[in-house]
Amino acid sequence: MISIDLSDRTILITGALGAIAEHMVRRLTETGATLVLTDIKSEQKAEQTLHAWQPTLPTPVRSNAW
């Protein structure tokens, strides 16, 4: 597997609450990147999805909705 250090990078992912994006989120958090996730789903659905992912992500998830 290729090892990349993205700890000084911020990455924007659109459509970030789907099944394909979940895999990307998991892999990119392992590299140390800061992720900005956007999606058209409701704030409540976003909170539920992020809460479900939290136990298996290497870094804490913080949610801000506008």
PDB file of N, CA and C in Angstrom:
ATOM      1  N   MET A   1       0.837  -1.180   0.000  1.00  0.00           N
ATOM      2  CA  MET A   1       0.000   0.000   0.000  1.00  0.00           C
ATOM      3  C   MET A   1       0.883   1.246   0.000  1.00  0.00           C
ATOM      4  N   ILE A   2       0.457   2.259  -0.697  1.00  0.00           N
ATOM      5  CA  ILE A   2       1.188   3.518  -0.775  1.00  0.00           C
ATOM      6  C   ILE A   2       0.877   4.347   0.465  1.00  0.00           C
ATOM      7  N   SER A   3       1.907   4.967   1.039  1.00  0.00           N
ATOM      8  CA  SER A   3       1.732   5.813   2.216  1.00  0.00           C
ATOM      9  C   SER A   3       1.929   7.275   1.822  1.00  0.00           C
ATOM     10  N   ILE A   4       0.926   8.094   2.114  1.00  0.00           N
ATOM     11  CA  ILE A   4       0.975   9.516   1.781  1.00  0.00           C
ATOM     12  C   ILE A   4       0.643  10.309   3.032  1.00  0.00           C
ATOM     13  N   ASP A   5       1.436  11.346   3.311  1.00  0.00           N
ATOM     14  CA  ASP A   5       1.173  12.217   4.454  1.00  0.00           C
ATOM     15  C   ASP A   5       0.436  13.460   3.963  1.00  0.00           C
ATOM     16  N   LEU A   6      -0.821  13.573   4.342  1.00  0.00           N
ATOM     17  CA  LEU A   6      -1.627  14.745   3.967  1.00  0.00           C
ATOM     18  C   LEU A   6      -1.982  15.576   5.195  1.00  0.00           C
ATOM     19  N   SER A   7      -1.182  15.483   6.231  1.00  0.00           N
ATOM     20  CA  SER A   7      -1.510  16.140   7.490  1.00  0.00           C
ATOM     21  C   SER A   7      -1.574  17.663   7.391  1.00  0.00           C
ATOM     22  N   ASP A   8      -0.967  18.246   6.388  1.00  0.00           N
ATOM     23  CA  ASP A   8      -1.028  19.704   6.223  1.00  0.00           C
ATOM     24  C   ASP A   8      -1.989  20.120   5.112  1.00  0.00           C
ATOM     25  N   ARG A   9      -2.882  19.226   4.719  1.00  0.00           N
ATOM     26  CA  ARG A   9      -3.804  19.488   3.609  1.00  0.00           C
ATOM     27  C   ARG A   9      -5.257  19.473   4.066  1.00  0.00           C
ATOM     28  N   THR A  10      -6.062  20.288   3.400  1.00  0.00           N
ATOM     29  CA  THR A  10      -7.510  20.278   3.604  1.00  0.00           C
ATOM     30  C   THR A  10      -8.141  19.830   2.297  1.00  0.00           C
ATOM     31  N   ILE A  11      -9.054  18.868   2.404  1.00  0.00           N
ATOM     32  CA  ILE A  11      -9.673  18.280   1.216  1.00  0.00           C
ATOM     33  C   ILE A  11     -11.187  18.447   1.303  1.00  0.00           C
ATOM     34  N   LEU A  12     -11.795  18.963   0.234  1.00  0.00           N
ATOM     35  CA  LEU A  12     -13.240  19.129   0.135  1.00  0.00           C
ATOM     36  C   LEU A  12     -13.820  17.931  -0.599  1.00  0.00           C
ATOM     37  N   ILE A  13     -14.810  17.277   0.026  1.00  0.00           N
ATOM     38  CA  ILE A  13     -15.494  16.152  -0.613  1.00  0.00           C
ATOM     39  C   ILE A  13     -16.974  16.498  -0.718  1.00  0.00           C
ATOM     40  N   THR A  14     -17.489  16.526  -1.940  1.00  0.00           N
ATOM     41  CA  THR A  14     -18.913  16.772  -2.148  1.00  0.00           C
ATOM     42  C   THR A  14     -19.628  15.430  -2.266  1.00  0.00           C
ATOM     43  N   GLY A  15     -20.897  15.403  -1.883  1.00  0.00           N
ATOM     44  CA  GLY A  15     -21.624  14.140  -1.870  1.00  0.00           C
ATOM     45  C   GLY A  15     -21.015  13.192  -0.854  1.00  0.00           C
ATOM     46  N   ALA A  16     -20.596  13.745   0.269  1.00  0.00           N
ATOM     47  CA  ALA A  16     -19.731  13.038   1.215  1.00  0.00           C
ATOM     48  C   ALA A  16     -20.423  12.045   2.129  1.00  0.00           C
ATOM     49  N   LEU A  17     -21.724  11.909   2.050  1.00  0.00           N
ATOM     50  CA  LEU A  17     -22.400  10.989   2.956  1.00  0.00           C
ATOM     51  C   LEU A  17     -22.868   9.708   2.278  1.00  0.00           C
ATOM     52  N   GLY A  18     -22.404   9.478   1.070  1.00  0.00           N
ATOM     53  CA  GLY A  18     -22.759   8.263   0.352  1.00  0.00           C
ATOM     54  C   GLY A  18     -21.802   7.115   0.646  1.00  0.00           C
ATOM     55  N   ALA A  19     -22.128   5.943   0.147  1.00  0.00           N
ATOM     56  CA  ALA A  19     -21.337   4.742   0.417  1.00  0.00           C
ATOM     57  C   ALA A  19     -19.926   4.823  -0.165  1.00  0.00           C
ATOM     58  N   ILE A  20     -19.795   5.342  -1.372  1.00  0.00           N
ATOM     59  CA  ILE A  20     -18.461   5.460  -1.973  1.00  0.00           C
ATOM     60  C   ILE A  20     -17.632   6.484  -1.208  1.00  0.00           C
ATOM     61  N   ALA A  21     -18.238   7.596  -0.866  1.00  0.00           N
ATOM     62  CA  ALA A  21     -17.525   8.633  -0.126  1.00  0.00           C
ATOM     63  C   ALA A  21     -17.088   8.142   1.249  1.00  0.00           C
ATOM     64  N   GLU A  22     -17.855   7.265   1.869  1.00  0.00           N
ATOM     65  CA  GLU A  22     -17.476   6.754   3.190  1.00  0.00           C
ATOM     66  C   GLU A  22     -16.092   6.113   3.130  1.00  0.00           C
ATOM     67  N   HIS A  23     -15.836   5.327   2.112  1.00  0.00           N
ATOM     68  CA  HIS A  23     -14.525   4.689   1.956  1.00  0.00           C
ATOM     69  C   HIS A  23     -13.438   5.751   1.774  1.00  0.00           C
ATOM     70  N   MET A  24     -13.714   6.766   0.963  1.00  0.00           N
ATOM     71  CA  MET A  24     -12.751   7.847   0.745  1.00  0.00           C
ATOM     72  C   MET A  24     -12.468   8.584   2.050  1.00  0.00           C
ATOM     73  N   VAL A  25     -13.516   8.875   2.821  1.00  0.00           N
ATOM     74  CA  VAL A  25     -13.354   9.570   4.098  1.00  0.00           C
ATOM     75  C   VAL A  25     -12.459   8.755   5.023  1.00  0.00           C
ATOM     76  N   ARG A  26     -12.720   7.474   5.113  1.00  0.00           N
ATOM     77  CA  ARG A  26     -11.900   6.604   5.979  1.00  0.00           C
ATOM     78  C   ARG A  26     -10.432   6.614   5.555  1.00  0.00           C
ATOM     79  N   ARG A  27     -10.177   6.471   4.283  1.00  0.00           N
ATOM     80  CA  ARG A  27      -8.788   6.441   3.797  1.00  0.00           C
ATOM     81  C   ARG A  27      -8.090   7.789   3.970  1.00  0.00           C
ATOM     82  N   LEU A  28      -8.779   8.865   3.650  1.00  0.00           N
ATOM     83  CA  LEU A  28      -8.148  10.182   3.757  1.00  0.00           C
ATOM     84  C   LEU A  28      -7.891  10.590   5.204  1.00  0.00           C
ATOM     85  N   THR A  29      -8.753  10.196   6.122  1.00  0.00           N
ATOM     86  CA  THR A  29      -8.485  10.517   7.526  1.00  0.00           C
ATOM     87  C   THR A  29      -7.265   9.760   8.028  1.00  0.00           C
ATOM     88  N   GLU A  30      -7.019   8.588   7.474  1.00  0.00           N
ATOM     89  CA  GLU A  30      -5.825   7.825   7.851  1.00  0.00           C
ATOM     90  C   GLU A  30      -4.543   8.546   7.440  1.00  0.00           C
ATOM     91  N   THR A  31      -4.609   9.390   6.418  1.00  0.00           N
ATOM     92  CA  THR A  31      -3.432  10.127   5.947  1.00  0.00           C
ATOM     93  C   THR A  31      -3.183  11.396   6.751  1.00  0.00           C
ATOM     94  N   GLY A  32      -4.126  11.746   7.630  1.00  0.00           N
ATOM     95  CA  GLY A  32      -3.971  12.944   8.450  1.00  0.00           C
ATOM     96  C   GLY A  32      -4.606  14.190   7.862  1.00  0.00           C
ATOM     97  N   ALA A  33      -5.267  14.079   6.732  1.00  0.00           N
ATOM     98  CA  ALA A  33      -5.881  15.243   6.087  1.00  0.00           C
ATOM     99  C   ALA A  33      -7.052  15.770   6.915  1.00  0.00           C
ATOM    100  N   THR A  34      -7.280  17.067   6.808  1.00  0.00           N
ATOM    101  CA  THR A  34      -8.485  17.684   7.348  1.00  0.00           C
ATOM    102  C   THR A  34      -9.516  17.644   6.240  1.00  0.00           C
ATOM    103  N   LEU A  35     -10.691  17.104   6.530  1.00  0.00           N
ATOM    104  CA  LEU A  35     -11.719  16.960   5.508  1.00  0.00           C
ATOM    105  C   LEU A  35     -12.869  17.921   5.748  1.00  0.00           C
ATOM    106  N   VAL A  36     -13.363  18.490   4.671  1.00  0.00           N
ATOM    107  CA  VAL A  36     -14.578  19.291   4.675  1.00  0.00           C
ATOM    108  C   VAL A  36     -15.582  18.497   3.850  1.00  0.00           C
ATOM    109  N   LEU A  37     -16.648  18.053   4.506  1.00  0.00           N
ATOM    110  CA  LEU A  37     -17.634  17.193   3.855  1.00  0.00           C
ATOM    111  C   LEU A  37     -18.910  17.971   3.580  1.00  0.00           C
ATOM    112  N   THR A  38     -19.423  17.862   2.365  1.00  0.00           N
ATOM    113  CA  THR A  38     -20.685  18.504   2.020  1.00  0.00           C
ATOM    114  C   THR A  38     -21.615  17.472   1.398  1.00  0.00           C
ATOM    115  N   ASP A  39     -22.908  17.684   1.593  1.00  0.00           N
ATOM    116  CA  ASP A  39     -23.907  16.786   1.015  1.00  0.00           C
ATOM    117  C   ASP A  39     -25.248  17.505   1.063  1.00  0.00           C
ATOM    118  N   ILE A  40     -26.192  17.045   0.261  1.00  0.00           N
ATOM    119  CA  ILE A  40     -27.512  17.672   0.241  1.00  0.00           C
ATOM    120  C   ILE A  40     -28.464  17.063   1.268  1.00  0.00           C
ATOM    121  N   LYS A  41     -28.017  16.049   1.974  1.00  0.00           N
ATOM    122  CA  LYS A  41     -28.880  15.421   2.975  1.00  0.00           C
ATOM    123  C   LYS A  41     -29.128  16.382   4.132  1.00  0.00           C
ATOM    124  N   SER A  42     -30.189  16.137   4.867  1.00  0.00           N
ATOM    125  CA  SER A  42     -30.557  17.004   5.983  1.00  0.00           C
ATOM    126  C   SER A  42     -29.487  16.967   7.072  1.00  0.00           C
ATOM    127  N   GLU A  43     -29.483  17.993   7.901  1.00  0.00           N
ATOM    128  CA  GLU A  43     -28.539  18.047   9.007  1.00  0.00           C
ATOM    129  C   GLU A  43     -28.707  16.837   9.925  1.00  0.00           C
ATOM    130  N   GLN A  44     -29.945  16.437  10.176  1.00  0.00           N
ATOM    131  CA  GLN A  44     -30.209  15.293  11.035  1.00  0.00           C
ATOM    132  C   GLN A  44     -29.606  14.015  10.436  1.00  0.00           C
ATOM    133  N   LYS A  45     -29.778  13.802   9.147  1.00  0.00           N
ATOM    134  CA  LYS A  45     -29.227  12.623   8.484  1.00  0.00           C
ATOM    135  C   LYS A  45     -27.696  12.669   8.500  1.00  0.00           C
ATOM    136  N   ALA A  46     -27.143  13.848   8.299  1.00  0.00           N
ATOM    137  CA  ALA A  46     -25.683  13.992   8.340  1.00  0.00           C
ATOM    138  C   ALA A  46     -25.143  13.632   9.718  1.00  0.00           C
ATOM    139  N   GLU A  47     -25.792  14.126  10.762  1.00  0.00           N
ATOM    140  CA  GLU A  47     -25.372  13.816  12.132  1.00  0.00           C
ATOM    141  C   GLU A  47     -25.441  12.316  12.393  1.00  0.00           C
ATOM    142  N   GLN A  48     -26.506  11.668  11.927  1.00  0.00           N
ATOM    143  CA  GLN A  48     -26.660  10.225  12.119  1.00  0.00           C
ATOM    144  C   GLN A  48     -25.550   9.456  11.400  1.00  0.00           C
ATOM    145  N   THR A  49     -25.254   9.856  10.175  1.00  0.00           N
ATOM    146  CA  THR A  49     -24.226   9.175   9.392  1.00  0.00           C
ATOM    147  C   THR A  49     -22.857   9.350  10.041  1.00  0.00           C
ATOM    148  N   LEU A  50     -22.515  10.576  10.416  1.00  0.00           N
ATOM    149  CA  LEU A  50     -21.212  10.826  11.035  1.00  0.00           C
ATOM    150  C   LEU A  50     -21.090  10.105  12.373  1.00  0.00           C
ATOM    151  N   HIS A  51     -22.160  10.063  13.130  1.00  0.00           N
ATOM    152  CA  HIS A  51     -22.152   9.341  14.408  1.00  0.00           C
ATOM    153  C   HIS A  51     -21.912   7.846  14.174  1.00  0.00           C
ATOM    154  N   ALA A  52     -22.507   7.295  13.136  1.00  0.00           N
ATOM    155  CA  ALA A  52     -22.323   5.880  12.823  1.00  0.00           C
ATOM    156  C   ALA A  52     -20.883   5.590  12.387  1.00  0.00           C
ATOM    157  N   TRP A  53     -20.249   6.522  11.692  1.00  0.00           N
ATOM    158  CA  TRP A  53     -18.875   6.331  11.231  1.00  0.00           C
ATOM    159  C   TRP A  53     -17.864   6.520  12.351  1.00  0.00           C
ATOM    160  N   GLN A  54     -18.178   7.347  13.339  1.00  0.00           N
ATOM    161  CA  GLN A  54     -17.228   7.785  14.360  1.00  0.00           C
ATOM    162  C   GLN A  54     -16.404   6.667  15.002  1.00  0.00           C
ATOM    163  N   PRO A  55     -16.993   5.563  15.441  1.00  0.00           N
ATOM    164  CA  PRO A  55     -16.188   4.552  16.147  1.00  0.00           C
ATOM    165  C   PRO A  55     -15.050   3.948  15.320  1.00  0.00           C
ATOM    166  N   THR A  56     -15.137   4.011  14.004  1.00  0.00           N
ATOM    167  CA  THR A  56     -14.115   3.385  13.174  1.00  0.00           C
ATOM    168  C   THR A  56     -13.208   4.376  12.461  1.00  0.00           C
ATOM    169  N   LEU A  57     -13.402   5.670  12.696  1.00  0.00           N
ATOM    170  CA  LEU A  57     -12.526   6.663  12.091  1.00  0.00           C
ATOM    171  C   LEU A  57     -11.340   6.930  13.012  1.00  0.00           C
ATOM    172  N   PRO A  58     -10.150   7.170  12.444  1.00  0.00           N
ATOM    173  CA  PRO A  58      -8.970   7.376  13.273  1.00  0.00           C
ATOM    174  C   PRO A  58      -8.919   8.731  13.983  1.00  0.00           C
ATOM    175  N   THR A  59      -9.736   9.688  13.539  1.00  0.00           N
ATOM    176  CA  THR A  59      -9.754  11.006  14.166  1.00  0.00           C
ATOM    177  C   THR A  59     -11.189  11.397  14.496  1.00  0.00           C
ATOM    178  N   PRO A  60     -11.369  12.286  15.466  1.00  0.00           N
ATOM    179  CA  PRO A  60     -12.737  12.708  15.823  1.00  0.00           C
ATOM    180  C   PRO A  60     -13.431  13.443  14.678  1.00  0.00           C
ATOM    181  N   VAL A  61     -14.729  13.334  14.646  1.00  0.00           N
ATOM    182  CA  VAL A  61     -15.540  14.027  13.655  1.00  0.00           C
ATOM    183  C   VAL A  61     -16.250  15.180  14.348  1.00  0.00           C
ATOM    184  N   ARG A  62     -16.188  16.346  13.729  1.00  0.00           N
ATOM    185  CA  ARG A  62     -16.903  17.517  14.228  1.00  0.00           C
ATOM    186  C   ARG A  62     -17.836  17.982  13.123  1.00  0.00           C
ATOM    187  N   SER A  63     -19.051  18.269  13.472  1.00  0.00           N
ATOM    188  CA  SER A  63     -20.047  18.645  12.472  1.00  0.00           C
ATOM    189  C   SER A  63     -20.474  20.092  12.675  1.00  0.00           C
ATOM    190  N   ASN A  64     -20.549  20.826  11.577  1.00  0.00           N
ATOM    191  CA  ASN A  64     -21.072  22.190  11.567  1.00  0.00           C
ATOM    192  C   ASN A  64     -22.029  22.295  10.392  1.00  0.00           C
ATOM    193  N   ALA A  65     -23.244  22.661  10.670  1.00  0.00           N
ATOM    194  CA  ALA A  65     -24.211  22.847   9.587  1.00  0.00           C
ATOM    195  C   ALA A  65     -24.529  24.327   9.456  1.00  0.00           C
ATOM    196  N   TRP A  66     -24.744  24.759   8.209  1.00  0.00           N
ATOM    197  CA  TRP A  66     -25.113  26.152   7.962  1.00  0.00           C
ATOM    198  C   TRP A  66     -26.477  26.236   7.395  1.00  0.00           C
TER     199      TRP A  66
END
